[in-house]
Each structure stands twice: as C-alpha cells, then as structure tokens.
Amino acid sequence: MSRVLVTGSAGFIGGYLVEELLRRGHEVVGLDNLSKYGAVRRSYDSHPSYRLVEGDACDVQLLSKLLGGCDHSSPAPQ
C-alpha cells in the first residue's frame, strides 16, 4: 500500500483518519504539534505501520522532509 502523511494526526478527526488508513493497510506518518490536546495515547501508537512526528505543519523544512517518502498527504480539519 501507500505511505500517507496526516497533519493534525493527534486531534479528534485526525485520530479516526489514521485509524482507518492503518486498517486499510497503509503506512501512516502522523504530524502534530500536540498544542490542542497534548500527548494523547492512541490504540495504534505501537502499530508497526505508524510513526508520530511531533512538529508543526508550518515548518516548511520538516514538512518537505516528511513528504519526501509519501505517496499522499491528508490534512485533518482543525
């Protein structure tokens, strides 16, 4: 399957999006600055196809680096 970058992945909607992408067999890179909810434990945190990066989507250099290996990106609504 493909690798997907999800910004806002630690948020309410982002969490559901990550969960569904993993269920469908995708590899997911989650990006969140954890400013709204703080560090939240999710059932998929230890999933082998999931990686959470703590950072800000406004950081162009970080975003470019993360997008480098991705097939898709999906911003979660704020």
Protein backbone atom coordinates (compact mmCIF):
# COMPACT_ATOMS: atom_id res chain seq x y z
CA MET A 1 0.00 0.00 0.00
CA SER A 2 1.00 3.63 0.10
CA ARG A 3 2.56 5.90 2.71
CA VAL A 4 0.33 8.79 3.81
CA LEU A 5 1.22 11.91 5.80
CA VAL A 6 -1.58 13.09 8.09
CA THR A 7 -1.17 16.52 9.66
CA GLY A 8 -3.11 17.08 12.86
CA SER A 9 -2.96 13.34 13.47
CA ALA A 10 -3.28 13.59 17.26
CA GLY A 11 -6.54 15.50 17.02
CA PHE A 12 -10.06 14.13 17.22
CA ILE A 13 -10.73 13.74 13.49
CA GLY A 14 -7.09 13.04 12.65
CA GLY A 15 -7.14 10.09 15.03
CA TYR A 16 -10.06 8.50 13.21
CA LEU A 17 -8.38 9.14 9.87
CA VAL A 18 -5.12 7.49 10.98
CA GLU A 19 -7.02 4.51 12.39
CA GLU A 20 -8.91 3.99 9.11
CA LEU A 21 -5.80 4.32 6.95
CA LEU A 22 -3.98 1.74 9.08
CA ARG A 23 -6.99 -0.57 8.92
CA ARG A 24 -6.84 -0.37 5.13
CA GLY A 25 -3.17 -1.36 5.13
CA HIS A 26 -1.48 2.00 4.56
CA GLU A 27 1.70 3.17 6.23
CA VAL A 28 0.96 6.40 8.11
CA VAL A 29 3.24 9.22 9.21
CA GLY A 30 1.39 11.45 11.65
CA LEU A 31 2.45 15.05 12.25
CA ASP A 32 1.12 17.08 15.16
CA ASN A 33 2.44 19.84 17.41
CA LEU A 34 0.29 18.49 20.28
CA SER A 35 -0.81 22.03 21.15
CA LYS A 36 -4.54 21.35 21.37
CA TYR A 37 -4.83 18.07 23.31
CA GLY A 38 -1.27 17.43 24.47
CA ALA A 39 0.13 13.92 24.28
CA VAL A 40 -2.79 11.50 23.87
CA ARG A 41 -2.40 7.71 23.88
CA ARG A 42 -3.99 6.00 20.91
CA SER A 43 -4.63 2.31 20.34
CA TYR A 44 -2.41 2.37 17.25
CA ASP A 45 0.62 4.14 18.80
CA SER A 46 2.64 0.92 18.68
CA HIS A 47 1.33 -0.18 15.27
CA PRO A 48 4.32 -1.13 13.08
CA SER A 49 2.99 0.98 10.18
CA TYR A 50 2.53 4.17 12.21
CA ARG A 51 5.02 6.85 13.15
CA LEU A 52 4.17 10.06 15.01
CA VAL A 53 6.38 13.08 14.46
CA GLU A 54 5.98 15.94 16.92
CA GLY A 55 6.29 19.14 14.94
CA ASP A 56 4.44 21.97 13.30
CA ALA A 57 2.98 21.85 9.79
CA CYS A 58 4.18 25.46 9.39
CA ASP A 59 7.77 24.17 9.46
CA VAL A 60 8.39 24.00 5.71
CA GLN A 61 11.69 22.15 6.06
CA LEU A 62 10.15 19.44 8.27
CA LEU A 63 7.08 19.11 6.06
CA SER A 64 9.24 18.78 2.94
CA LYS A 65 11.32 16.09 4.59
CA LEU A 66 8.26 14.10 5.69
CA LEU A 67 6.53 14.42 2.32
CA GLY A 68 9.63 13.10 0.56
CA GLY A 69 8.72 9.46 1.13
CA CYS A 70 4.94 9.80 0.99
CA ASP A 71 2.52 8.93 -1.78
CA HIS A 72 -0.31 11.05 -0.35
CA SER A 73 -0.89 13.73 2.27
CA SER A 74 -4.10 14.35 4.08
CA PRO A 75 -4.56 17.37 6.34
CA ALA A 76 -7.00 16.72 9.14
CA PRO A 77 -9.52 19.52 9.74
CA GLN A 78 -8.71 21.81 12.65
